C-alpha atoms as a PDB file:
ATOM      1  CA  MET A   1      -4.782 -25.338   1.956  1.00  0.00           C
ATOM      2  CA  GLN A   2      -3.381 -25.292  -1.347  1.00  0.00           C
ATOM      3  CA  ALA A   3      -5.607 -23.059  -2.091  1.00  0.00           C
ATOM      4  CA  PHE A   4      -4.354 -20.868   0.887  1.00  0.00           C
ATOM      5  CA  PHE A   5      -0.774 -20.523  -0.355  1.00  0.00           C
ATOM      6  CA  ALA A   6      -1.810 -19.460  -3.559  1.00  0.00           C
ATOM      7  CA  GLY A   7      -3.848 -16.876  -2.178  1.00  0.00           C
ATOM      8  CA  PHE A   8      -0.670 -15.785   0.352  1.00  0.00           C
ATOM      9  CA  GLY A   9       1.729 -15.936  -2.861  1.00  0.00           C
ATOM     10  CA  LEU A  10      -0.416 -13.832  -5.228  1.00  0.00           C
ATOM     11  CA  GLY A  11      -0.156 -11.155  -1.361  1.00  0.00           C
ATOM     12  CA  LEU A  12       3.176 -11.700  -2.164  1.00  0.00           C
ATOM     13  CA  SER A  13       4.105 -11.236  -4.713  1.00  0.00           C
ATOM     14  CA  LEU A  14       1.945  -8.238  -5.567  1.00  0.00           C
ATOM     15  CA  ILE A  15       2.860  -6.278  -1.957  1.00  0.00           C
ATOM     16  CA  LEU A  16       6.417  -6.749  -1.781  1.00  0.00           C
ATOM     17  CA  ALA A  17       6.958  -4.175  -5.558  1.00  0.00           C
ATOM     18  CA  ILE A  18       7.667  -0.275  -3.354  1.00  0.00           C
ATOM     19  CA  GLY A  19       4.137   1.008  -4.778  1.00  0.00           C
ATOM     20  CA  ALA A  20       3.046   5.054  -3.082  1.00  0.00           C
ATOM     21  CA  GLN A  21       1.145   2.949  -0.195  1.00  0.00           C
ATOM     22  CA  ASN A  22       4.962   0.756   0.961  1.00  0.00           C
ATOM     23  CA  ASP A  23       7.583   3.643   0.034  1.00  0.00           C
ATOM     24  CA  PHE A  24       4.421   5.567   3.385  1.00  0.00           C
ATOM     25  CA  VAL A  25       5.203   2.618   5.754  1.00  0.00           C
ATOM     26  CA  LEU A  26       9.081   2.610   5.137  1.00  0.00           C
ATOM     27  CA  ARG A  27       8.882   6.295   5.491  1.00  0.00           C
ATOM     28  CA  ALA A  28       7.571   5.682   9.287  1.00  0.00           C
ATOM     29  CA  GLY A  29       9.595   2.823   9.932  1.00  0.00           C
ATOM     30  CA  LEU A  30      12.873   5.442   8.890  1.00  0.00           C
ATOM     31  CA  LEU A  31      11.728   8.623  11.012  1.00  0.00           C
ATOM     32  CA  ARG A  32       9.877   5.921  14.210  1.00  0.00           C
ATOM     33  CA  ARG A  33       6.571   7.735  13.517  1.00  0.00           C
ATOM     34  CA  TYR A  34       3.550   6.898  14.107  1.00  0.00           C
ATOM     35  CA  VAL A  35       4.643   3.240  12.605  1.00  0.00           C
ATOM     36  CA  PHE A  36       1.539   1.169  14.217  1.00  0.00           C
ATOM     37  CA  ILE A  37      -1.145   3.498  13.187  1.00  0.00           C
ATOM     38  CA  VAL A  38       0.440   3.725  10.018  1.00  0.00           C
ATOM     39  CA  CYS A  39       1.219  -0.547   9.536  1.00  0.00           C
ATOM     40  CA  LEU A  40      -2.398  -1.201  10.656  1.00  0.00           C
ATOM     41  CA  THR A  41      -4.218   1.569   8.169  1.00  0.00           C
ATOM     42  CA  CYS A  42      -2.208  -0.214   5.401  1.00  0.00           C
ATOM     43  CA  SER A  43      -3.318  -3.303   6.386  1.00  0.00           C
ATOM     44  CA  VAL A  44      -7.450  -2.605   7.104  1.00  0.00           C
ATOM     45  CA  SER A  45      -7.852  -1.230   4.439  1.00  0.00           C
ATOM     46  CA  ASP A  46      -6.109  -3.467   2.021  1.00  0.00           C
ATOM     47  CA  ALA A  47      -7.108  -6.475   3.919  1.00  0.00           C
ATOM     48  CA  LEU A  48     -10.975  -4.811   3.438  1.00  0.00           C
ATOM     49  CA  LEU A  49      -9.644  -4.309  -0.504  1.00  0.00           C
ATOM     50  CA  ILE A  50      -9.193  -8.298  -0.664  1.00  0.00           C
ATOM     51  CA  TYR A  51     -12.595  -9.291   0.832  1.00  0.00           C
ATOM     52  CA  LEU A  52     -13.752  -6.951  -1.690  1.00  0.00           C
ATOM     53  CA  GLY A  53     -12.451  -8.634  -4.964  1.00  0.00           C
ATOM     54  CA  VAL A  54     -12.761 -12.253  -3.913  1.00  0.00           C
ATOM     55  CA  SER A  55     -16.292 -11.564  -2.738  1.00  0.00           C
ATOM     56  CA  GLY A  56     -17.310 -10.226  -5.777  1.00  0.00           C
ATOM     57  CA  PHE A  57     -16.982  -6.691  -6.262  1.00  0.00           C
ATOM     58  CA  GLY A  58     -14.187  -7.396  -8.889  1.00  0.00           C
ATOM     59  CA  ARG A  59     -16.603  -8.659 -11.531  1.00  0.00           C
ATOM     60  CA  PHE A  60     -18.846  -5.315 -11.398  1.00  0.00           C
ATOM     61  CA  VAL A  61     -16.037  -3.269 -11.194  1.00  0.00           C
ATOM     62  CA  GLN A  62     -14.998  -4.705 -14.852  1.00  0.00           C
ATOM     63  CA  SER A  63     -18.179  -4.695 -15.885  1.00  0.00           C
ATOM     64  CA  ALA A  64     -18.731  -1.433 -15.352  1.00  0.00           C
ATOM     65  CA  PRO A  65     -15.387   0.721 -16.941  1.00  0.00           C
ATOM     66  CA  ILE A  66     -16.546   4.072 -15.300  1.00  0.00           C
ATOM     67  CA  VAL A  67     -15.624   3.423 -12.936  1.00  0.00           C
ATOM     68  CA  ILE A  68     -12.475   1.602 -13.645  1.00  0.00           C
ATOM     69  CA  ASP A  69     -11.715   4.934 -15.434  1.00  0.00           C
ATOM     70  CA  ALA A  70     -12.148   6.997 -12.750  1.00  0.00           C
ATOM     71  CA  MET A  71     -10.654   4.972 -11.042  1.00  0.00           C
ATOM     72  CA  ARG A  72      -8.039   4.962 -13.589  1.00  0.00           C
ATOM     73  CA  TYR A  73      -7.391   8.822 -13.908  1.00  0.00           C
ATOM     74  CA  GLY A  74      -8.664  10.464  -9.750  1.00  0.00           C
ATOM     75  CA  GLY A  75      -5.559   8.327  -8.863  1.00  0.00           C
ATOM     76  CA  ALA A  76      -3.053   8.699 -11.937  1.00  0.00           C
ATOM     77  CA  ILE A  77      -3.687  12.738 -10.733  1.00  0.00           C
ATOM     78  CA  PHE A  78      -3.519  12.338  -6.902  1.00  0.00           C
ATOM     79  CA  LEU A  79      -0.155  10.231  -7.960  1.00  0.00           C
ATOM     80  CA  PHE A  80       1.593  12.742 -10.248  1.00  0.00           C
ATOM     81  CA  LEU A  81       0.824  14.987  -8.219  1.00  0.00           C
ATOM     82  CA  TYR A  82       2.554  13.430  -4.642  1.00  0.00           C
ATOM     83  CA  GLY A  83       5.175  11.806  -6.951  1.00  0.00           C
ATOM     84  CA  ALA A  84       5.776  15.834  -8.644  1.00  0.00           C
ATOM     85  CA  LYS A  85       5.477  16.480  -4.349  1.00  0.00           C
ATOM     86  CA  SER A  86       7.839  13.918  -3.710  1.00  0.00           C
ATOM     87  CA  LEU A  87      10.689  15.143  -6.622  1.00  0.00           C
ATOM     88  CA  TYR A  88      10.594  18.348  -6.021  1.00  0.00           C
ATOM     89  CA  SER A  89      11.339  17.947  -2.120  1.00  0.00           C
ATOM     90  CA  ALA A  90      14.444  15.384  -3.573  1.00  0.00           C
ATOM     91  CA  TRP A  91      15.999  17.638  -5.847  1.00  0.00           C
ATOM     92  CA  ARG A  92      15.224  20.286  -3.056  1.00  0.00           C
ATOM     93  CA  GLY A  93      17.816  17.525  -1.331  1.00  0.00           C
ATOM     94  CA  GLY A  94      19.403  18.707   1.872  1.00  0.00           C
ATOM     95  CA  THR A  95      16.306  18.821   4.731  1.00  0.00           C
ATOM     96  CA  GLY A  96      15.921  14.466   4.530  1.00  0.00           C
ATOM     97  CA  LEU A  97      13.865  13.535   5.850  1.00  0.00           C
ATOM     98  CA  ASN A  98      11.415  15.187   8.328  1.00  0.00           C
ATOM     99  CA  ALA A  99       8.267  14.895   9.810  1.00  0.00           C
ATOM    100  CA  GLU A 100       6.781  18.251   8.636  1.00  0.00           C
ATOM    101  CA  GLY A 101       4.183  17.299   6.180  1.00  0.00           C
ATOM    102  CA  GLU A 102       2.901  14.225   6.370  1.00  0.00           C
ATOM    103  CA  PHE A 103       3.621  13.021   9.327  1.00  0.00           C
ATOM    104  CA  SER A 104       4.097  16.066  11.640  1.00  0.00           C
ATOM    105  CA  THR A 105       0.817  14.789  13.625  1.00  0.00           C
ATOM    106  CA  LEU A 106      -1.262  11.464  13.675  1.00  0.00           C
ATOM    107  CA  PRO A 107      -4.092  12.791  11.732  1.00  0.00           C
ATOM    108  CA  ALA A 108      -1.738  13.737   9.422  1.00  0.00           C
ATOM    109  CA  ALA A 109       0.635  10.252   8.586  1.00  0.00           C
ATOM    110  CA  VAL A 110      -3.541   8.909   8.850  1.00  0.00           C
ATOM    111  CA  LEU A 111      -5.164  10.961   6.108  1.00  0.00           C
ATOM    112  CA  THR A 112      -1.685  10.392   3.776  1.00  0.00           C
ATOM    113  CA  CYS A 113      -1.762   7.231   4.136  1.00  0.00           C
ATOM    114  CA  LEU A 114      -5.873   6.423   3.636  1.00  0.00           C
ATOM    115  CA  ALA A 115      -5.308   8.808   0.439  1.00  0.00           C
ATOM    116  CA  LEU A 116      -1.895   7.096  -0.857  1.00  0.00           C
ATOM    117  CA  THR A 117      -4.234   3.278  -0.781  1.00  0.00           C
ATOM    118  CA  TRP A 118      -7.862   4.288  -2.010  1.00  0.00           C
ATOM    119  CA  LEU A 119      -6.957   6.529  -4.528  1.00  0.00           C
ATOM    120  CA  ASN A 120      -3.993   4.614  -6.094  1.00  0.00           C
ATOM    121  CA  PRO A 121      -5.679   3.002  -9.189  1.00  0.00           C
ATOM    122  CA  HIS A 122      -3.401   0.046  -9.005  1.00  0.00           C
ATOM    123  CA  VAL A 123      -4.538  -0.594  -5.793  1.00  0.00           C
ATOM    124  CA  TYR A 124      -8.217  -1.148  -7.151  1.00  0.00           C
ATOM    125  CA  LEU A 125      -5.938  -3.520  -9.961  1.00  0.00           C
ATOM    126  CA  ASP A 126      -3.939  -5.447  -7.184  1.00  0.00           C
ATOM    127  CA  THR A 127      -6.302  -6.357  -5.726  1.00  0.00           C
ATOM    128  CA  VAL A 128     -10.219  -6.015  -6.454  1.00  0.00           C
ATOM    129  CA  VAL A 129      -9.195  -6.833 -10.186  1.00  0.00           C
ATOM    130  CA  LEU A 130      -6.463  -9.028 -10.522  1.00  0.00           C
ATOM    131  CA  LEU A 131      -6.871 -11.010  -7.090  1.00  0.00           C
ATOM    132  CA  GLY A 132     -10.516 -11.757  -6.891  1.00  0.00           C
ATOM    133  CA  SER A 133     -10.400 -12.173 -10.279  1.00  0.00           C
ATOM    134  CA  ILE A 134      -8.141 -15.220  -9.691  1.00  0.00           C
ATOM    135  CA  ALA A 135      -9.760 -16.059  -5.992  1.00  0.00           C
ATOM    136  CA  VAL A 136     -13.164 -16.540  -8.113  1.00  0.00           C
ATOM    137  CA  GLN A 137     -11.124 -19.267 -10.375  1.00  0.00           C
ATOM    138  CA  SER A 138      -9.952 -20.674  -6.841  1.00  0.00           C
ATOM    139  CA  ALA A 139     -12.097 -24.060  -5.474  1.00  0.00           C
ATOM    140  CA  GLN A 140     -11.978 -22.417  -2.762  1.00  0.00           C
ATOM    141  CA  PRO A 141     -12.385 -18.304  -3.170  1.00  0.00           C
ATOM    142  CA  GLU A 142     -12.581 -17.369   0.448  1.00  0.00           C
ATOM    143  CA  VAL A 143      -9.295 -19.565   2.061  1.00  0.00           C
ATOM    144  CA  PHE A 144      -7.758 -18.017  -1.384  1.00  0.00           C
ATOM    145  CA  GLY A 145      -8.661 -14.504   0.215  1.00  0.00           C
ATOM    146  CA  VAL A 146      -8.061 -15.433   3.895  1.00  0.00           C
ATOM    147  CA  GLY A 147      -3.995 -16.214   2.267  1.00  0.00           C
ATOM    148  CA  ALA A 148      -3.871 -13.214   0.916  1.00  0.00           C
ATOM    149  CA  ILE A 149      -5.429 -10.912   4.395  1.00  0.00           C
ATOM    150  CA  LEU A 150      -3.083 -13.166   6.378  1.00  0.00           C
ATOM    151  CA  GLN A 151       0.046 -12.083   3.846  1.00  0.00           C
ATOM    152  CA  VAL A 152      -1.113  -8.619   4.675  1.00  0.00           C
ATOM    153  CA  LEU A 153      -0.872  -8.141   7.883  1.00  0.00           C
ATOM    154  CA  CYS A 154       2.424  -9.691   7.918  1.00  0.00           C
ATOM    155  CA  PHE A 155       4.329  -8.373   5.355  1.00  0.00           C
ATOM    156  CA  SER A 156       2.512  -4.422   5.423  1.00  0.00           C
ATOM    157  CA  PHE A 157       3.907  -3.532   9.611  1.00  0.00           C
ATOM    158  CA  ARG A 158       7.169  -6.459   7.260  1.00  0.00           C
ATOM    159  CA  TRP A 159       8.106  -2.933   5.609  1.00  0.00           C
ATOM    160  CA  ALA A 160       7.999  -1.588   8.908  1.00  0.00           C
ATOM    161  CA  THR A 161       9.960  -2.472  10.891  1.00  0.00           C
ATOM    162  CA  VAL A 162      13.944  -3.032   8.342  1.00  0.00           C
ATOM    163  CA  PRO A 163      13.251   0.386   8.367  1.00  0.00           C
ATOM    164  CA  GLY A 164      14.425   0.927  11.916  1.00  0.00           C
ATOM    165  CA  CYS A 165      17.622  -1.968  12.071  1.00  0.00           C
ATOM    166  CA  LEU A 166      18.474   1.072   9.490  1.00  0.00           C
ATOM    167  CA  HIS A 167      17.720   3.693  11.455  1.00  0.00           C
ATOM    168  CA  LEU A 168      21.306   3.854  12.878  1.00  0.00           C
ATOM    169  CA  SER A 169      23.418   3.124   9.556  1.00  0.00           C
ATOM    170  CA  LEU A 170      21.028   5.984   7.540  1.00  0.00           C
ATOM    171  CA  GLN A 171      21.926   8.886  10.911  1.00  0.00           C
ATOM    172  CA  GLY A 172      23.885  12.613   9.182  1.00  0.00           C
ATOM    173  CA  ARG A 173      23.077  10.849   5.384  1.00  0.00           C
ATOM    174  CA  ALA A 174      20.153  11.658   2.641  1.00  0.00           C
ATOM    175  CA  PRO A 175      17.825   9.216   3.344  1.00  0.00           C
ATOM    176  CA  GLY A 176      15.471  10.957   1.284  1.00  0.00           C
ATOM    177  CA  ARG A 177      17.513  11.221  -1.244  1.00  0.00           C
ATOM    178  CA  PHE A 178      18.158   7.329  -0.898  1.00  0.00           C
END
């Protein structure tokens, strides 16, 4: 049981940071667009990444520096471009949150969500390398992984429910700049 709570706690500490994926889920909640599908996509992706880390894939990644470099630089380029787009949108102002672009259609929302998850180098460092390397040191790495995965399932959906409550209080403001 200790391994379960250790996995749950470590997973929780990693998901509390607002990164690109959590920001996307929060915006989906504020817009009330494709919330369940976006949360499900994030949860399944994160659970798969945690499974890869716990099953020992983290050791492989650590032993192959070229894989780490490819993830690091490819993800950094993607995140830079996505961040520049968001900065430009916030700087331009007046647009607030809208359903254009990444939320215009369900496929666009899912593809953006997948890109923010699978092209993000921090996801691999957090789930595959960090969480995976701690899990394999546990007496029960599978139980540790179950705790981390259950946490993902609980809190990915929480990120989207809170903005729904805030939606009314942000009406008329520029929540995209919030």
